[in-house]
Amino acid sequence: MSRVFSARHAAQPLILFVEPMAHIRNRVAVAMKLTNMRLLAVENGKTALDIVQRVEMPTLAVIELALPDMKGVEVARRLYRYRPLPIIMTGYLPDPSAIVVMLDQIAEDFVQKPYDARELVARMLRLLPMNYRASLDTDAFVKGSLQEMSMQ
């Protein structure tokens, strides 16, 4: 199992975003542009797990519950077996007790769909370990989000 690593990327957290809908992956990528985070966006669980095994372990993962090839919860469990990491689950869960169980057993956060991409990025920033947050330009992200909101 070889992993790609360089000193340049050491201070830049890698976010694994597993989301089957391309327009959502694109919106999140745009929202992340003002941060120094690297985004690896994939559409299914198999691709996500293959990348982690062969390329690089993410700093944080955002995983949709309903993936085309497997359950997002299974992807989260497998990732966590490789190495514990912060996980945000996304999706639609009408039952609050299911969300509570997920937060207790699997994820650090859950974001209900539909969501604003800027909110998701803000939640990512909060879950990153302190050593990564110190290297990010969170001020630019917040200022850009506030400007965007004032234009609406």
N, C-alpha and C. Protein backbone atom coordinates (compact mmCIF):
# COMPACT_ATOMS: atom_id res chain seq x y z
N MET A 1 0.84 -1.16 0.00
CA MET A 1 0.00 0.00 0.00
C MET A 1 0.90 1.24 0.00
N SER A 2 0.96 1.95 -1.09
CA SER A 2 1.78 3.14 -1.14
C SER A 2 0.91 4.37 -0.95
N ARG A 3 1.46 5.35 -0.28
CA ARG A 3 0.72 6.57 -0.02
C ARG A 3 1.52 7.75 -0.57
N VAL A 4 0.82 8.65 -1.23
CA VAL A 4 1.45 9.84 -1.78
C VAL A 4 1.56 10.86 -0.66
N PHE A 5 2.74 11.43 -0.48
CA PHE A 5 2.92 12.42 0.57
C PHE A 5 4.03 13.38 0.15
N SER A 6 3.82 14.64 0.42
CA SER A 6 4.87 15.62 0.19
C SER A 6 4.80 16.66 1.30
N ALA A 7 5.91 17.33 1.56
CA ALA A 7 5.95 18.35 2.60
C ALA A 7 4.96 19.47 2.29
N ARG A 8 4.77 19.77 1.02
CA ARG A 8 3.85 20.84 0.62
C ARG A 8 2.44 20.55 1.09
N HIS A 9 2.04 19.28 1.07
CA HIS A 9 0.69 18.91 1.45
C HIS A 9 0.55 18.65 2.95
N ALA A 10 1.65 18.61 3.69
CA ALA A 10 1.60 18.25 5.10
C ALA A 10 0.69 19.18 5.90
N ALA A 11 0.73 20.47 5.60
CA ALA A 11 -0.07 21.44 6.35
C ALA A 11 -1.46 21.64 5.75
N GLN A 12 -1.73 21.04 4.61
CA GLN A 12 -3.03 21.20 3.97
C GLN A 12 -3.87 19.95 4.22
N PRO A 13 -4.95 20.11 4.96
CA PRO A 13 -5.79 18.94 5.21
C PRO A 13 -6.45 18.44 3.92
N LEU A 14 -6.60 17.14 3.84
CA LEU A 14 -7.27 16.51 2.71
C LEU A 14 -8.67 16.10 3.15
N ILE A 15 -9.67 16.61 2.44
CA ILE A 15 -11.06 16.30 2.73
C ILE A 15 -11.54 15.31 1.69
N LEU A 16 -12.02 14.17 2.14
CA LEU A 16 -12.64 13.18 1.24
C LEU A 16 -14.13 13.45 1.26
N PHE A 17 -14.70 13.76 0.10
CA PHE A 17 -16.12 14.09 -0.02
C PHE A 17 -16.76 13.03 -0.91
N VAL A 18 -17.60 12.19 -0.32
CA VAL A 18 -18.24 11.09 -1.04
C VAL A 18 -19.70 11.47 -1.24
N GLU A 19 -20.03 11.86 -2.47
CA GLU A 19 -21.36 12.38 -2.80
C GLU A 19 -21.69 11.99 -4.23
N PRO A 20 -22.82 11.29 -4.44
CA PRO A 20 -23.14 10.83 -5.79
C PRO A 20 -23.60 11.94 -6.76
N MET A 21 -24.05 13.06 -6.24
CA MET A 21 -24.59 14.11 -7.11
C MET A 21 -23.53 15.13 -7.48
N ALA A 22 -23.22 15.21 -8.78
CA ALA A 22 -22.14 16.07 -9.26
C ALA A 22 -22.36 17.53 -8.92
N HIS A 23 -23.59 18.02 -9.01
CA HIS A 23 -23.82 19.45 -8.73
C HIS A 23 -23.53 19.79 -7.27
N ILE A 24 -23.74 18.84 -6.36
CA ILE A 24 -23.41 19.09 -4.95
C ILE A 24 -21.90 19.06 -4.77
N ARG A 25 -21.22 18.10 -5.40
CA ARG A 25 -19.75 18.07 -5.32
C ARG A 25 -19.17 19.38 -5.83
N ASN A 26 -19.72 19.90 -6.92
CA ASN A 26 -19.22 21.15 -7.50
C ASN A 26 -19.47 22.34 -6.57
N ARG A 27 -20.64 22.40 -5.96
CA ARG A 27 -20.96 23.52 -5.04
C ARG A 27 -20.01 23.53 -3.84
N VAL A 28 -19.73 22.35 -3.31
CA VAL A 28 -18.81 22.27 -2.17
C VAL A 28 -17.40 22.66 -2.60
N ALA A 29 -16.98 22.22 -3.77
CA ALA A 29 -15.65 22.59 -4.28
C ALA A 29 -15.52 24.11 -4.40
N VAL A 30 -16.54 24.77 -4.90
CA VAL A 30 -16.53 26.23 -5.02
C VAL A 30 -16.46 26.87 -3.63
N ALA A 31 -17.24 26.37 -2.69
CA ALA A 31 -17.24 26.93 -1.33
C ALA A 31 -15.89 26.75 -0.65
N MET A 32 -15.15 25.71 -1.01
CA MET A 32 -13.85 25.44 -0.38
C MET A 32 -12.70 26.23 -0.99
N LYS A 33 -12.93 26.89 -2.11
CA LYS A 33 -11.84 27.56 -2.81
C LYS A 33 -11.09 28.58 -1.94
N LEU A 34 -11.78 29.22 -1.02
CA LEU A 34 -11.13 30.25 -0.20
C LEU A 34 -10.35 29.68 0.98
N THR A 35 -10.38 28.38 1.16
CA THR A 35 -9.58 27.75 2.22
C THR A 35 -8.36 27.11 1.57
N ASN A 36 -7.44 26.65 2.39
CA ASN A 36 -6.28 25.93 1.86
C ASN A 36 -6.47 24.43 1.91
N MET A 37 -7.71 23.98 2.09
CA MET A 37 -7.96 22.55 2.17
C MET A 37 -7.93 21.94 0.77
N ARG A 38 -7.45 20.71 0.71
CA ARG A 38 -7.50 19.95 -0.54
C ARG A 38 -8.77 19.11 -0.53
N LEU A 39 -9.43 19.04 -1.66
CA LEU A 39 -10.68 18.29 -1.76
C LEU A 39 -10.50 17.13 -2.72
N LEU A 40 -10.90 15.97 -2.26
CA LEU A 40 -10.95 14.79 -3.10
C LEU A 40 -12.41 14.36 -3.13
N ALA A 41 -13.10 14.69 -4.20
CA ALA A 41 -14.54 14.42 -4.32
C ALA A 41 -14.77 13.23 -5.23
N VAL A 42 -15.50 12.24 -4.71
CA VAL A 42 -15.80 11.03 -5.47
C VAL A 42 -17.30 10.74 -5.37
N GLU A 43 -17.79 9.91 -6.30
CA GLU A 43 -19.23 9.69 -6.38
C GLU A 43 -19.73 8.42 -5.72
N ASN A 44 -18.83 7.54 -5.28
CA ASN A 44 -19.32 6.30 -4.67
C ASN A 44 -18.34 5.78 -3.61
N GLY A 45 -18.83 4.82 -2.84
CA GLY A 45 -18.05 4.28 -1.74
C GLY A 45 -16.84 3.47 -2.16
N LYS A 46 -16.98 2.67 -3.21
CA LYS A 46 -15.86 1.84 -3.67
C LYS A 46 -14.67 2.72 -4.06
N THR A 47 -14.92 3.77 -4.82
CA THR A 47 -13.85 4.67 -5.24
C THR A 47 -13.19 5.31 -4.02
N ALA A 48 -14.00 5.72 -3.06
CA ALA A 48 -13.46 6.35 -1.85
C ALA A 48 -12.53 5.39 -1.11
N LEU A 49 -12.97 4.16 -0.92
CA LEU A 49 -12.16 3.18 -0.19
C LEU A 49 -10.90 2.79 -0.96
N ASP A 50 -11.01 2.69 -2.29
CA ASP A 50 -9.83 2.40 -3.11
C ASP A 50 -8.78 3.50 -2.99
N ILE A 51 -9.22 4.74 -3.02
CA ILE A 51 -8.29 5.87 -2.93
C ILE A 51 -7.58 5.87 -1.59
N VAL A 52 -8.32 5.62 -0.53
CA VAL A 52 -7.73 5.61 0.80
C VAL A 52 -6.69 4.50 0.93
N GLN A 53 -6.98 3.34 0.35
CA GLN A 53 -6.03 2.23 0.43
C GLN A 53 -4.80 2.46 -0.42
N ARG A 54 -4.95 3.10 -1.58
CA ARG A 54 -3.83 3.20 -2.51
C ARG A 54 -3.15 4.56 -2.55
N VAL A 55 -3.82 5.61 -2.14
CA VAL A 55 -3.24 6.93 -2.33
C VAL A 55 -2.93 7.63 -1.01
N GLU A 56 -3.96 8.11 -0.32
CA GLU A 56 -3.70 8.92 0.87
C GLU A 56 -4.91 8.88 1.80
N MET A 57 -4.64 8.84 3.08
CA MET A 57 -5.70 8.86 4.08
C MET A 57 -6.14 10.31 4.30
N PRO A 58 -7.44 10.57 4.25
CA PRO A 58 -7.90 11.95 4.44
C PRO A 58 -7.78 12.40 5.89
N THR A 59 -7.81 13.69 6.08
CA THR A 59 -7.81 14.29 7.40
C THR A 59 -9.22 14.24 7.98
N LEU A 60 -10.22 14.35 7.09
CA LEU A 60 -11.62 14.38 7.47
C LEU A 60 -12.42 13.83 6.29
N ALA A 61 -13.54 13.18 6.58
CA ALA A 61 -14.39 12.66 5.51
C ALA A 61 -15.81 13.18 5.66
N VAL A 62 -16.42 13.48 4.52
CA VAL A 62 -17.83 13.86 4.45
C VAL A 62 -18.48 12.82 3.55
N ILE A 63 -19.47 12.10 4.08
CA ILE A 63 -20.03 10.96 3.37
C ILE A 63 -21.54 11.03 3.33
N GLU A 64 -22.10 10.92 2.13
CA GLU A 64 -23.55 10.86 1.94
C GLU A 64 -24.06 9.48 2.38
N LEU A 65 -25.20 9.46 3.02
CA LEU A 65 -25.79 8.19 3.47
C LEU A 65 -26.16 7.27 2.31
N ALA A 66 -26.79 7.83 1.27
CA ALA A 66 -27.32 7.03 0.17
C ALA A 66 -26.37 7.08 -1.03
N LEU A 67 -25.48 6.13 -1.09
CA LEU A 67 -24.53 6.04 -2.21
C LEU A 67 -25.03 4.99 -3.19
N PRO A 68 -24.63 5.07 -4.45
CA PRO A 68 -25.14 4.12 -5.45
C PRO A 68 -24.66 2.68 -5.28
N ASP A 69 -23.52 2.49 -4.61
CA ASP A 69 -22.95 1.14 -4.54
C ASP A 69 -22.93 0.52 -3.15
N MET A 70 -23.05 1.33 -2.11
CA MET A 70 -23.06 0.81 -0.74
C MET A 70 -23.60 1.89 0.17
N LYS A 71 -23.89 1.52 1.39
CA LYS A 71 -24.38 2.50 2.35
C LYS A 71 -23.24 3.38 2.83
N GLY A 72 -23.52 4.67 2.96
CA GLY A 72 -22.52 5.60 3.45
C GLY A 72 -22.00 5.24 4.83
N VAL A 73 -22.87 4.67 5.65
CA VAL A 73 -22.47 4.25 7.00
C VAL A 73 -21.39 3.17 6.92
N GLU A 74 -21.49 2.27 5.95
CA GLU A 74 -20.47 1.23 5.78
C GLU A 74 -19.14 1.84 5.35
N VAL A 75 -19.18 2.83 4.46
CA VAL A 75 -17.96 3.52 4.05
C VAL A 75 -17.31 4.17 5.27
N ALA A 76 -18.11 4.83 6.09
CA ALA A 76 -17.59 5.49 7.30
C ALA A 76 -16.93 4.47 8.24
N ARG A 77 -17.59 3.35 8.46
CA ARG A 77 -17.03 2.33 9.35
C ARG A 77 -15.70 1.79 8.83
N ARG A 78 -15.63 1.55 7.52
CA ARG A 78 -14.38 1.03 6.94
C ARG A 78 -13.26 2.05 7.03
N LEU A 79 -13.59 3.31 6.74
CA LEU A 79 -12.57 4.36 6.86
C LEU A 79 -12.04 4.43 8.28
N TYR A 80 -12.93 4.38 9.22
CA TYR A 80 -12.55 4.49 10.62
C TYR A 80 -11.68 3.31 11.06
N ARG A 81 -11.89 2.14 10.44
CA ARG A 81 -11.04 0.99 10.74
C ARG A 81 -9.61 1.21 10.27
N TYR A 82 -9.45 1.92 9.13
CA TYR A 82 -8.09 2.22 8.65
C TYR A 82 -7.39 3.14 9.63
N ARG A 83 -8.09 4.21 10.02
CA ARG A 83 -7.56 5.17 10.97
C ARG A 83 -8.71 6.05 11.46
N PRO A 84 -8.83 6.21 12.77
CA PRO A 84 -9.87 7.10 13.27
C PRO A 84 -9.70 8.51 12.71
N LEU A 85 -10.79 9.09 12.24
CA LEU A 85 -10.76 10.44 11.68
C LEU A 85 -12.14 11.05 11.86
N PRO A 86 -12.23 12.39 11.86
CA PRO A 86 -13.54 13.03 11.96
C PRO A 86 -14.38 12.72 10.71
N ILE A 87 -15.66 12.41 10.94
CA ILE A 87 -16.57 12.08 9.84
C ILE A 87 -17.84 12.91 9.98
N ILE A 88 -18.23 13.52 8.87
CA ILE A 88 -19.52 14.20 8.77
C ILE A 88 -20.37 13.38 7.82
N MET A 89 -21.54 12.99 8.26
CA MET A 89 -22.48 12.29 7.39
C MET A 89 -23.48 13.30 6.88
N THR A 90 -23.93 13.12 5.62
CA THR A 90 -24.96 13.99 5.05
C THR A 90 -26.09 13.11 4.52
N GLY A 91 -27.23 13.72 4.32
CA GLY A 91 -28.35 12.98 3.76
C GLY A 91 -29.66 13.48 4.32
N TYR A 92 -30.68 12.69 4.08
CA TYR A 92 -32.01 13.03 4.59
C TYR A 92 -32.45 11.94 5.56
N LEU A 93 -32.61 12.32 6.81
CA LEU A 93 -33.11 11.40 7.84
C LEU A 93 -34.26 12.09 8.57
N PRO A 94 -35.48 11.65 8.34
CA PRO A 94 -36.61 12.30 9.00
C PRO A 94 -36.75 11.94 10.48
N ASP A 95 -36.08 10.89 10.91
CA ASP A 95 -36.21 10.41 12.29
C ASP A 95 -35.06 10.94 13.15
N PRO A 96 -35.34 11.85 14.08
CA PRO A 96 -34.27 12.39 14.94
C PRO A 96 -33.53 11.31 15.74
N SER A 97 -34.20 10.23 16.10
CA SER A 97 -33.51 9.19 16.87
C SER A 97 -32.45 8.49 16.02
N ALA A 98 -32.67 8.36 14.71
CA ALA A 98 -31.66 7.79 13.82
C ALA A 98 -30.42 8.69 13.76
N ILE A 99 -30.64 9.99 13.76
CA ILE A 99 -29.53 10.95 13.75
C ILE A 99 -28.74 10.83 15.05
N VAL A 100 -29.44 10.72 16.18
CA VAL A 100 -28.77 10.59 17.47
C VAL A 100 -27.90 9.33 17.51
N VAL A 101 -28.43 8.22 17.02
CA VAL A 101 -27.67 6.97 17.00
C VAL A 101 -26.43 7.13 16.12
N MET A 102 -26.60 7.74 14.95
CA MET A 102 -25.46 7.94 14.05
C MET A 102 -24.38 8.80 14.70
N LEU A 103 -24.79 9.86 15.37
CA LEU A 103 -23.81 10.73 16.04
C LEU A 103 -23.14 10.01 17.20
N ASP A 104 -23.85 9.12 17.83
CA ASP A 104 -23.29 8.38 18.96
C ASP A 104 -22.30 7.30 18.49
N GLN A 105 -22.58 6.68 17.36
CA GLN A 105 -21.80 5.50 16.96
C GLN A 105 -20.84 5.72 15.79
N ILE A 106 -21.10 6.69 14.92
CA ILE A 106 -20.34 6.76 13.68
C ILE A 106 -19.70 8.11 13.41
N ALA A 107 -20.50 9.16 13.49
CA ALA A 107 -20.07 10.46 12.96
C ALA A 107 -19.95 11.52 14.05
N GLU A 108 -19.10 12.50 13.79
CA GLU A 108 -18.98 13.66 14.67
C GLU A 108 -20.07 14.69 14.38
N ASP A 109 -20.62 14.64 13.17
CA ASP A 109 -21.66 15.61 12.79
C ASP A 109 -22.54 15.00 11.72
N PHE A 110 -23.74 15.53 11.61
CA PHE A 110 -24.67 15.13 10.56
C PHE A 110 -25.28 16.39 9.99
N VAL A 111 -25.29 16.50 8.65
CA VAL A 111 -25.88 17.66 7.98
C VAL A 111 -27.03 17.17 7.12
N GLN A 112 -28.21 17.67 7.43
CA GLN A 112 -29.43 17.27 6.75
C GLN A 112 -29.51 17.93 5.37
N LYS A 113 -29.88 17.16 4.35
CA LYS A 113 -30.09 17.72 3.02
C LYS A 113 -31.50 18.28 2.93
N PRO A 114 -31.68 19.34 2.19
CA PRO A 114 -30.67 20.12 1.46
C PRO A 114 -29.89 21.03 2.41
N TYR A 115 -28.64 21.29 2.08
CA TYR A 115 -27.81 22.14 2.92
C TYR A 115 -27.07 23.14 2.05
N ASP A 116 -26.60 24.20 2.69
CA ASP A 116 -25.79 25.20 2.02
C ASP A 116 -24.33 24.73 2.07
N ALA A 117 -23.65 24.79 0.96
CA ALA A 117 -22.27 24.31 0.88
C ALA A 117 -21.36 25.07 1.84
N ARG A 118 -21.63 26.36 2.05
CA ARG A 118 -20.80 27.15 2.97
C ARG A 118 -20.95 26.64 4.40
N GLU A 119 -22.16 26.24 4.78
CA GLU A 119 -22.37 25.68 6.12
C GLU A 119 -21.58 24.39 6.28
N LEU A 120 -21.60 23.54 5.26
CA LEU A 120 -20.85 22.29 5.33
C LEU A 120 -19.36 22.57 5.49
N VAL A 121 -18.83 23.52 4.72
CA VAL A 121 -17.40 23.85 4.83
C VAL A 121 -17.09 24.41 6.22
N ALA A 122 -17.96 25.23 6.76
CA ALA A 122 -17.75 25.76 8.12
C ALA A 122 -17.70 24.63 9.14
N ARG A 123 -18.57 23.63 8.97
CA ARG A 123 -18.56 22.48 9.87
C ARG A 123 -17.26 21.67 9.71
N MET A 124 -16.79 21.55 8.48
CA MET A 124 -15.51 20.87 8.25
C MET A 124 -14.39 21.58 9.01
N LEU A 125 -14.36 22.89 8.88
CA LEU A 125 -13.30 23.68 9.53
C LEU A 125 -13.32 23.48 11.04
N ARG A 126 -14.50 23.40 11.63
CA ARG A 126 -14.61 23.22 13.08
C ARG A 126 -14.12 21.84 13.53
N LEU A 127 -14.24 20.84 12.68
CA LEU A 127 -13.85 19.49 13.07
C LEU A 127 -12.39 19.16 12.81
N LEU A 128 -11.71 20.01 12.06
CA LEU A 128 -10.30 19.74 11.78
C LEU A 128 -9.47 19.87 13.05
N PRO A 129 -8.47 19.02 13.20
CA PRO A 129 -7.57 19.17 14.34
C PRO A 129 -6.92 20.54 14.34
N MET A 130 -6.60 21.05 15.53
CA MET A 130 -6.06 22.40 15.67
C MET A 130 -4.83 22.66 14.83
N ASN A 131 -3.95 21.67 14.69
CA ASN A 131 -2.72 21.89 13.92
C ASN A 131 -3.03 22.19 12.45
N TYR A 132 -4.14 21.72 11.92
CA TYR A 132 -4.53 22.04 10.55
C TYR A 132 -5.24 23.38 10.48
N ARG A 133 -6.12 23.64 11.44
CA ARG A 133 -6.89 24.89 11.40
C ARG A 133 -5.98 26.11 11.44
N ALA A 134 -4.88 26.01 12.15
CA ALA A 134 -3.96 27.14 12.25
C ALA A 134 -3.37 27.53 10.90
N SER A 135 -3.28 26.57 9.97
CA SER A 135 -2.67 26.84 8.67
C SER A 135 -3.67 27.28 7.61
N LEU A 136 -4.95 27.33 7.94
CA LEU A 136 -5.98 27.65 6.96
C LEU A 136 -6.37 29.12 7.00
N ASP A 137 -6.83 29.60 5.87
CA ASP A 137 -7.27 30.99 5.78
C ASP A 137 -8.78 31.04 6.05
N THR A 138 -9.16 30.84 7.30
CA THR A 138 -10.58 30.84 7.64
C THR A 138 -11.18 32.24 7.53
N ASP A 139 -10.36 33.28 7.74
CA ASP A 139 -10.88 34.64 7.60
C ASP A 139 -11.37 34.90 6.19
N ALA A 140 -10.61 34.47 5.20
CA ALA A 140 -11.02 34.67 3.80
C ALA A 140 -12.31 33.92 3.51
N PHE A 141 -12.45 32.73 4.06
CA PHE A 141 -13.68 31.95 3.85
C PHE A 141 -14.87 32.68 4.45
N VAL A 142 -14.74 33.15 5.70
CA VAL A 142 -15.84 33.82 6.38
C VAL A 142 -16.19 35.12 5.67
N LYS A 143 -15.18 35.92 5.31
CA LYS A 143 -15.45 37.19 4.60
C LYS A 143 -16.11 36.93 3.26
N GLY A 144 -15.64 35.92 2.54
CA GLY A 144 -16.25 35.59 1.24
C GLY A 144 -17.69 35.14 1.40
N SER A 145 -17.97 34.37 2.43
CA SER A 145 -19.35 33.91 2.68
C SER A 145 -20.25 35.07 3.04
N LEU A 146 -19.74 36.00 3.87
CA LEU A 146 -20.54 37.15 4.27
C LEU A 146 -20.82 38.06 3.08
N GLN A 147 -19.82 38.25 2.21
CA GLN A 147 -20.04 39.07 1.01
C GLN A 147 -21.09 38.42 0.11
N GLU A 148 -21.00 37.13 -0.04
CA GLU A 148 -21.95 36.42 -0.88
C GLU A 148 -23.37 36.55 -0.33
N MET A 149 -23.51 36.46 0.98
CA MET A 149 -24.84 36.59 1.59
C MET A 149 -25.39 38.00 1.43
N SER A 150 -24.54 39.03 1.51
CA SER A 150 -25.03 40.39 1.37
C SER A 150 -25.45 40.71 -0.05
N MET A 151 -24.96 39.95 -1.02
CA MET A 151 -25.33 40.16 -2.42
C MET A 151 -26.67 39.51 -2.75
N GLN A 152 -27.13 38.62 -1.89
CA GLN A 152 -28.38 37.90 -2.18
C GLN A 152 -29.59 38.70 -1.79
